[in-house]
Amino acid sequence: MPVLGERSPTPARCRRWSIVPLLVSSLILCSGPEASAAPATEGTPEYDLKAVFLFQFAHFVTWPVRSFHDANSPLTIGVLGTDPFGAVLDEIVANEAIGARGLVVRRYQAVDQVDACHVLFISPSEANQLPSILAKLKGRTVLTVGDTKDFVARGGIVGFTVDRKRLRLRVNLAAADSAQLTISSKLLRQAEVVRGGAKR
C-alpha cells in the first residue's frame, strides 16, 4: 500500500502535484490550530492538491464487501454540488486501479442521485444543506469529505482545513465507524483525529 506523499505509479499530473512543497508540508505538519481561509476556486493549486488527496484516500480506506456490486465493480469518487476541481480530478483518476477495481469520477447535483459512491466530496456550495445531506447518507458506506467550516464536527468523516497556507486533515473516527469504514493508521498519523467530539 502506498504511503501518502510517496511516489507511486500515477498519471503525470498526479505525480506533479504529489511532490510539490505544499503537499510535503501538509503531510508533515498536520496538527495545530485551525485557521479560516477564503474559499479556493476551481483550477487553484489548493483544489488540485485536494483532488490528489481524494485519489489517495481510495488507497487508505477499506470498504465492506457489500459496498460493491461484485469483485470488479469500480471504486467511485463523487462530487456533490458545484464542482471545484474542473478536469484535474478526472486526469488524476484516469486509467488508475486499486487491485481489480478501476477508479471513476461522478458528479451529483443532489444527494438523492448518490448511488454507488465510495468517496464523496461535498462541495462548499452545499454548506447550508450539510445536515440533511449527512442525514440521508447515514448508514451508507460512503467516505464523506469536505472543506466547509466545522465539516468534521458536524458529522463529516474527513475535513480539509488550511492553516498558514498548509493543507491539513481532520478525521472523525466515530463517523467512519458508523459508516463501517476502516481508515489506515498511515493516513490517521497524518491527521488530527477526532472521536466523539474530542481530539485524540
Protein backbone atom coordinates (compact mmCIF):
# COMPACT_ATOMS: atom_id res chain seq x y z
CA MET A 1 0.00 0.00 0.00
CA PRO A 2 1.49 3.39 -0.92
CA VAL A 3 2.37 5.96 1.72
CA LEU A 4 0.93 9.43 1.34
CA GLY A 5 3.47 11.63 -0.38
CA GLU A 6 5.44 8.62 -1.62
CA ARG A 7 5.92 8.42 -5.38
CA SER A 8 3.81 5.72 -6.95
CA PRO A 9 2.66 4.80 -10.49
CA THR A 10 0.22 7.64 -11.04
CA PRO A 11 -0.64 9.85 -14.01
CA ALA A 12 1.79 12.66 -14.84
CA ARG A 13 -0.41 15.36 -13.36
CA CYS A 14 -0.86 13.39 -10.15
CA ARG A 15 2.90 12.83 -9.88
CA ARG A 16 3.49 16.54 -10.37
CA TRP A 17 1.13 17.51 -7.57
CA SER A 18 2.26 14.70 -5.25
CA ILE A 19 5.72 16.21 -4.89
CA VAL A 20 5.08 19.95 -4.68
CA PRO A 21 6.23 21.59 -1.42
CA LEU A 22 2.65 22.34 -0.38
CA LEU A 23 1.82 18.63 -0.27
CA VAL A 24 5.02 17.74 1.56
CA SER A 25 4.48 20.39 4.23
CA SER A 26 0.83 19.47 4.63
CA LEU A 27 1.77 15.86 5.35
CA ILE A 28 4.46 16.74 7.87
CA LEU A 29 2.53 19.44 9.71
CA CYS A 30 -1.00 18.14 10.16
CA SER A 31 -1.66 19.37 13.69
CA GLY A 32 -2.13 22.72 15.31
CA PRO A 33 -4.80 25.42 15.47
CA GLU A 34 -7.29 25.57 12.68
CA ALA A 35 -7.34 28.77 10.63
CA SER A 36 -10.10 30.04 8.43
CA ALA A 37 -9.24 30.84 4.82
CA ALA A 38 -11.04 32.32 1.86
CA PRO A 39 -12.54 29.60 -0.31
CA ALA A 40 -10.30 28.46 -3.14
CA THR A 41 -11.69 28.47 -6.65
CA GLU A 42 -11.65 25.97 -9.49
CA GLY A 43 -8.23 25.46 -11.01
CA THR A 44 -6.27 26.71 -7.97
CA PRO A 45 -3.33 24.74 -6.55
CA GLU A 46 -5.36 24.14 -3.38
CA TYR A 47 -8.09 22.24 -5.21
CA ASP A 48 -5.55 20.44 -7.40
CA LEU A 49 -3.97 19.23 -4.17
CA LYS A 50 -7.32 18.24 -2.68
CA ALA A 51 -8.01 16.22 -5.83
CA VAL A 52 -4.76 14.31 -5.22
CA PHE A 53 -5.89 13.59 -1.67
CA LEU A 54 -9.25 12.25 -2.87
CA PHE A 55 -7.34 9.84 -5.09
CA GLN A 56 -5.02 8.88 -2.21
CA PHE A 57 -7.91 8.30 0.20
CA ALA A 58 -9.08 5.45 -2.01
CA HIS A 59 -5.83 3.63 -1.13
CA PHE A 60 -6.09 4.13 2.62
CA VAL A 61 -9.69 3.20 3.36
CA THR A 62 -11.26 -0.27 3.43
CA TRP A 63 -14.92 -0.60 2.44
CA PRO A 64 -17.18 -3.54 3.33
CA VAL A 65 -17.55 -6.05 0.50
CA ARG A 66 -21.22 -5.18 0.26
CA SER A 67 -20.26 -1.67 -0.88
CA PHE A 68 -19.51 -3.10 -4.33
CA HIS A 69 -21.75 -4.95 -6.75
CA ASP A 70 -19.03 -7.52 -7.45
CA ALA A 71 -15.26 -8.04 -7.31
CA ASN A 72 -14.67 -5.99 -10.44
CA SER A 73 -17.01 -3.09 -9.71
CA PRO A 74 -15.24 0.30 -9.87
CA LEU A 75 -14.47 2.49 -6.90
CA THR A 76 -16.33 5.75 -7.39
CA ILE A 77 -15.12 9.18 -6.33
CA GLY A 78 -18.05 11.57 -6.38
CA VAL A 79 -18.50 15.33 -6.19
CA LEU A 80 -21.79 16.63 -4.80
CA GLY A 81 -22.77 20.16 -5.80
CA THR A 82 -20.69 22.72 -7.68
CA ASP A 83 -17.51 21.02 -8.88
CA PRO A 84 -14.40 22.94 -7.71
CA PHE A 85 -11.92 20.57 -9.38
CA GLY A 86 -12.59 21.01 -13.08
CA ALA A 87 -10.83 18.39 -15.18
CA VAL A 88 -7.94 17.76 -12.80
CA LEU A 89 -9.72 15.07 -10.77
CA ASP A 90 -10.58 13.14 -13.93
CA GLU A 91 -6.97 13.42 -15.11
CA ILE A 92 -5.62 12.08 -11.82
CA VAL A 93 -8.02 9.12 -11.74
CA ALA A 94 -7.79 8.24 -15.45
CA ASN A 95 -6.54 4.67 -16.07
CA GLU A 96 -5.92 4.09 -12.36
CA ALA A 97 -6.99 1.00 -10.43
CA ILE A 98 -6.82 -0.44 -6.94
CA GLY A 99 -6.40 -4.15 -7.42
CA ALA A 100 -9.08 -5.25 -9.86
CA ARG A 101 -11.14 -2.11 -9.32
CA GLY A 102 -10.87 0.79 -11.71
CA LEU A 103 -11.50 4.30 -10.44
CA VAL A 104 -14.24 6.53 -11.84
CA VAL A 105 -15.42 10.07 -11.13
CA ARG A 106 -19.07 11.05 -10.97
CA ARG A 107 -20.82 14.36 -10.33
CA TYR A 108 -24.10 14.75 -8.49
CA GLN A 109 -26.36 17.76 -8.21
CA ALA A 110 -28.41 16.36 -5.34
CA VAL A 111 -27.79 13.81 -2.60
CA ASP A 112 -30.69 11.70 -3.87
CA GLN A 113 -28.60 11.00 -7.00
CA VAL A 114 -25.75 9.49 -5.00
CA ASP A 115 -25.87 5.75 -5.63
CA ALA A 116 -22.79 3.52 -5.73
CA CYS A 117 -20.33 6.11 -4.41
CA HIS A 118 -17.36 5.38 -2.15
CA VAL A 119 -15.55 8.71 -1.69
CA LEU A 120 -17.87 11.72 -1.79
CA PHE A 121 -16.58 15.29 -1.75
CA ILE A 122 -19.38 17.57 -0.55
CA SER A 123 -18.80 20.93 -2.21
CA PRO A 124 -18.91 24.23 -0.31
CA SER A 125 -21.97 25.05 -2.43
CA GLU A 126 -23.88 22.54 -0.27
CA ALA A 127 -22.84 24.00 3.10
CA ASN A 128 -26.36 25.07 4.04
CA GLN A 129 -27.66 21.59 3.21
CA LEU A 130 -24.92 19.67 5.02
CA PRO A 131 -27.04 18.39 7.95
CA SER A 132 -29.71 16.96 5.65
CA ILE A 133 -27.09 15.54 3.27
CA LEU A 134 -25.28 13.70 6.06
CA ALA A 135 -28.60 12.50 7.46
CA LYS A 136 -29.53 10.99 4.10
CA LEU A 137 -26.13 9.30 3.86
CA LYS A 138 -26.38 7.82 7.35
CA GLY A 139 -25.92 4.07 7.26
CA ARG A 140 -24.22 4.24 3.86
CA THR A 141 -20.62 3.10 3.40
CA VAL A 142 -19.52 6.43 1.96
CA LEU A 143 -16.36 8.32 2.95
CA THR A 144 -17.65 11.88 3.19
CA VAL A 145 -15.03 14.59 2.56
CA GLY A 146 -15.43 18.35 2.72
CA ASP A 147 -13.77 21.66 3.39
CA THR A 148 -16.60 23.74 4.83
CA LYS A 149 -16.29 25.13 8.34
CA ASP A 150 -16.77 22.53 11.08
CA PHE A 151 -17.31 19.77 8.48
CA VAL A 152 -15.96 17.07 10.79
CA ALA A 153 -17.64 18.45 13.91
CA ARG A 154 -20.97 18.35 12.04
CA GLY A 155 -20.57 14.65 11.21
CA GLY A 156 -18.41 14.51 8.08
CA ILE A 157 -15.63 11.92 8.07
CA VAL A 158 -12.63 13.75 6.55
CA GLY A 159 -12.26 17.50 6.62
CA PHE A 160 -9.73 19.73 4.88
CA THR A 161 -8.56 22.86 6.68
CA VAL A 162 -5.93 25.41 5.74
CA ASP A 163 -3.51 26.78 8.30
CA ARG A 164 -0.62 29.04 7.34
CA LYS A 165 -1.04 28.02 3.70
CA ARG A 166 -0.74 24.35 4.62
CA LEU A 167 -3.48 21.87 3.92
CA ARG A 168 -4.35 19.76 6.96
CA LEU A 169 -6.66 16.85 7.58
CA ARG A 170 -9.18 16.16 10.33
CA VAL A 171 -10.76 12.71 10.67
CA ASN A 172 -13.93 11.90 12.60
CA LEU A 173 -13.39 8.28 13.65
CA ALA A 174 -16.87 7.95 15.13
CA ALA A 175 -18.39 8.91 11.79
CA ALA A 176 -16.06 6.49 9.97
CA ASP A 177 -17.06 3.68 12.33
CA SER A 178 -20.73 4.49 11.78
CA ALA A 179 -20.17 4.17 8.02
CA GLN A 180 -18.36 0.85 8.61
CA LEU A 181 -15.17 2.16 7.07
CA THR A 182 -11.66 1.26 8.23
CA ILE A 183 -9.10 4.02 7.80
CA SER A 184 -5.45 3.03 7.65
CA SER A 185 -3.21 4.12 10.51
CA LYS A 186 -0.86 5.51 7.86
CA LEU A 187 -3.50 8.09 6.99
CA LEU A 188 -4.54 8.69 10.60
CA ARG A 189 -0.95 9.55 11.53
CA GLN A 190 -1.15 12.45 9.07
CA ALA A 191 -4.38 13.81 10.54
CA GLU A 192 -5.91 15.39 13.60
CA VAL A 193 -8.12 12.59 14.82
CA VAL A 194 -11.47 13.35 16.44
CA ARG A 195 -13.67 10.82 18.17
CA GLY A 196 -16.86 11.72 19.99
CA GLY A 197 -16.19 15.44 19.62
CA ALA A 198 -12.75 15.28 21.29
CA LYS A 199 -9.30 15.41 19.74
CA ARG A 200 -7.08 12.37 20.13
